[in-house]
Amino acid sequence: MQVTSERKKEIFAQFGKGATDTGSTEGQIALFTERINHITSHLRKAKKDFSAELSLVKLVGKRRALLDYLAKNDIVKYRTLIKELGIRK
């Protein structure tokens, strides 16, 4: 099951600047984290789903690039976001 539009609005309201601000770096990182967690739980059940594994690798790369951007521009926001999402470097 994909991330529903209601869940996306909750994520952007919590981590972004508002429920409709889908372009903020923090909101995008939080959404990617939600999708990564969903695909990871799926891959624990379906070990041979290689297309899901490929999409997981791509999402992790996109999230890593956004995290690097955020760390370079605003280290305080980066540290708080890492702590809130439970991401380890």
C-alpha atoms as a PDB file:
ATOM      1  CA  MET A   1       0.000   0.000   0.000  1.00  0.00           C
ATOM      2  CA  GLN A   2       1.371   3.360  -0.969  1.00  0.00           C
ATOM      3  CA  VAL A   3       1.435   6.395   1.274  1.00  0.00           C
ATOM      4  CA  THR A   4      -2.049   7.902   1.205  1.00  0.00           C
ATOM      5  CA  SER A   5      -2.692  11.556   0.467  1.00  0.00           C
ATOM      6  CA  GLU A   6      -3.953  12.093   4.020  1.00  0.00           C
ATOM      7  CA  ARG A   7      -0.712  10.667   5.413  1.00  0.00           C
ATOM      8  CA  LYS A   8       1.303  12.887   3.054  1.00  0.00           C
ATOM      9  CA  LYS A   9      -0.557  15.956   4.335  1.00  0.00           C
ATOM     10  CA  GLU A  10       0.198  14.909   7.914  1.00  0.00           C
ATOM     11  CA  ILE A  11       3.885  14.463   7.105  1.00  0.00           C
ATOM     12  CA  PHE A  12       4.166  17.834   5.380  1.00  0.00           C
ATOM     13  CA  ALA A  13       2.221  19.544   8.180  1.00  0.00           C
ATOM     14  CA  GLN A  14       4.520  18.033  10.798  1.00  0.00           C
ATOM     15  CA  PHE A  15       7.899  18.420   9.107  1.00  0.00           C
ATOM     16  CA  GLY A  16       7.324  21.062   6.421  1.00  0.00           C
ATOM     17  CA  LYS A  17       6.185  24.637   6.727  1.00  0.00           C
ATOM     18  CA  GLY A  18       2.536  23.673   6.204  1.00  0.00           C
ATOM     19  CA  ALA A  19       0.268  20.934   4.866  1.00  0.00           C
ATOM     20  CA  THR A  20       0.458  22.315   1.320  1.00  0.00           C
ATOM     21  CA  ASP A  21       4.196  23.059   1.288  1.00  0.00           C
ATOM     22  CA  THR A  22       5.414  19.967  -0.547  1.00  0.00           C
ATOM     23  CA  GLY A  23       8.663  21.514  -1.712  1.00  0.00           C
ATOM     24  CA  SER A  24      10.433  21.983   1.598  1.00  0.00           C
ATOM     25  CA  THR A  25      13.542  19.887   2.046  1.00  0.00           C
ATOM     26  CA  GLU A  26      12.491  18.664   5.486  1.00  0.00           C
ATOM     27  CA  GLY A  27       9.079  17.530   4.214  1.00  0.00           C
ATOM     28  CA  GLN A  28      10.578  15.689   1.264  1.00  0.00           C
ATOM     29  CA  ILE A  29      13.093  13.902   3.495  1.00  0.00           C
ATOM     30  CA  ALA A  30      10.294  12.859   5.859  1.00  0.00           C
ATOM     31  CA  LEU A  31       8.193  11.568   2.953  1.00  0.00           C
ATOM     32  CA  PHE A  32      11.135   9.623   1.523  1.00  0.00           C
ATOM     33  CA  THR A  33      11.734   8.124   4.973  1.00  0.00           C
ATOM     34  CA  GLU A  34       8.097   7.012   5.177  1.00  0.00           C
ATOM     35  CA  ARG A  35       8.327   5.380   1.753  1.00  0.00           C
ATOM     36  CA  ILE A  36      11.680   3.757   2.586  1.00  0.00           C
ATOM     37  CA  ASN A  37      10.231   2.251   5.768  1.00  0.00           C
ATOM     38  CA  HIS A  38       7.239   0.918   3.816  1.00  0.00           C
ATOM     39  CA  ILE A  39       9.371  -0.686   1.088  1.00  0.00           C
ATOM     40  CA  THR A  40      11.758  -2.132   3.688  1.00  0.00           C
ATOM     41  CA  SER A  41       8.911  -3.853   5.497  1.00  0.00           C
ATOM     42  CA  HIS A  42       7.639  -5.197   2.165  1.00  0.00           C
ATOM     43  CA  LEU A  43      11.068  -6.566   1.259  1.00  0.00           C
ATOM     44  CA  ARG A  44      11.273  -8.454   4.552  1.00  0.00           C
ATOM     45  CA  LYS A  45       8.294 -10.522   3.352  1.00  0.00           C
ATOM     46  CA  ALA A  46       9.100 -10.659  -0.380  1.00  0.00           C
ATOM     47  CA  LYS A  47      12.842 -11.185  -0.590  1.00  0.00           C
ATOM     48  CA  LYS A  48      12.896 -11.722  -4.357  1.00  0.00           C
ATOM     49  CA  ASP A  49      11.071  -8.517  -5.330  1.00  0.00           C
ATOM     50  CA  PHE A  50      13.993  -6.974  -7.163  1.00  0.00           C
ATOM     51  CA  SER A  51      12.052  -4.046  -8.625  1.00  0.00           C
ATOM     52  CA  ALA A  52      11.112  -2.936  -5.109  1.00  0.00           C
ATOM     53  CA  GLU A  53      14.737  -3.350  -4.075  1.00  0.00           C
ATOM     54  CA  LEU A  54      15.845  -1.106  -6.942  1.00  0.00           C
ATOM     55  CA  SER A  55      13.307   1.560  -6.019  1.00  0.00           C
ATOM     56  CA  LEU A  56      14.499   1.368  -2.406  1.00  0.00           C
ATOM     57  CA  VAL A  57      18.094   2.011  -3.465  1.00  0.00           C
ATOM     58  CA  LYS A  58      16.991   4.991  -5.575  1.00  0.00           C
ATOM     59  CA  LEU A  59      14.953   6.464  -2.724  1.00  0.00           C
ATOM     60  CA  VAL A  60      17.814   6.103  -0.277  1.00  0.00           C
ATOM     61  CA  GLY A  61      20.088   7.910  -2.730  1.00  0.00           C
ATOM     62  CA  LYS A  62      17.613  10.758  -3.182  1.00  0.00           C
ATOM     63  CA  ARG A  63      17.163  11.092   0.570  1.00  0.00           C
ATOM     64  CA  ARG A  64      20.937  11.057   1.100  1.00  0.00           C
ATOM     65  CA  ALA A  65      21.375  13.871  -1.440  1.00  0.00           C
ATOM     66  CA  LEU A  66      18.704  15.970   0.273  1.00  0.00           C
ATOM     67  CA  LEU A  67      20.238  15.290   3.683  1.00  0.00           C
ATOM     68  CA  ASP A  68      23.649  16.375   2.397  1.00  0.00           C
ATOM     69  CA  TYR A  69      22.094  19.564   1.008  1.00  0.00           C
ATOM     70  CA  LEU A  70      20.355  20.289   4.303  1.00  0.00           C
ATOM     71  CA  ALA A  71      23.518  19.615   6.316  1.00  0.00           C
ATOM     72  CA  LYS A  72      25.488  21.988   4.114  1.00  0.00           C
ATOM     73  CA  ASN A  73      22.932  24.821   4.335  1.00  0.00           C
ATOM     74  CA  ASP A  74      21.428  24.509   7.824  1.00  0.00           C
ATOM     75  CA  ILE A  75      23.158  22.133  10.243  1.00  0.00           C
ATOM     76  CA  VAL A  76      20.708  22.813  13.089  1.00  0.00           C
ATOM     77  CA  LYS A  77      17.668  21.760  11.033  1.00  0.00           C
ATOM     78  CA  TYR A  78      19.625  18.747   9.815  1.00  0.00           C
ATOM     79  CA  ARG A  79      20.403  17.560  13.342  1.00  0.00           C
ATOM     80  CA  THR A  80      16.848  18.035  14.610  1.00  0.00           C
ATOM     81  CA  LEU A  81      15.380  16.248  11.579  1.00  0.00           C
ATOM     82  CA  ILE A  82      17.755  13.315  11.960  1.00  0.00           C
ATOM     83  CA  LYS A  83      16.767  13.023  15.617  1.00  0.00           C
ATOM     84  CA  GLU A  84      13.006  13.280  14.931  1.00  0.00           C
ATOM     85  CA  LEU A  85      13.010  10.735  12.114  1.00  0.00           C
ATOM     86  CA  GLY A  86      15.384   8.337  13.818  1.00  0.00           C
ATOM     87  CA  ILE A  87      17.789   8.240  10.881  1.00  0.00           C
ATOM     88  CA  ARG A  88      21.357   7.324  11.641  1.00  0.00           C
ATOM     89  CA  LYS A  89      24.244   8.622   9.596  1.00  0.00           C
END
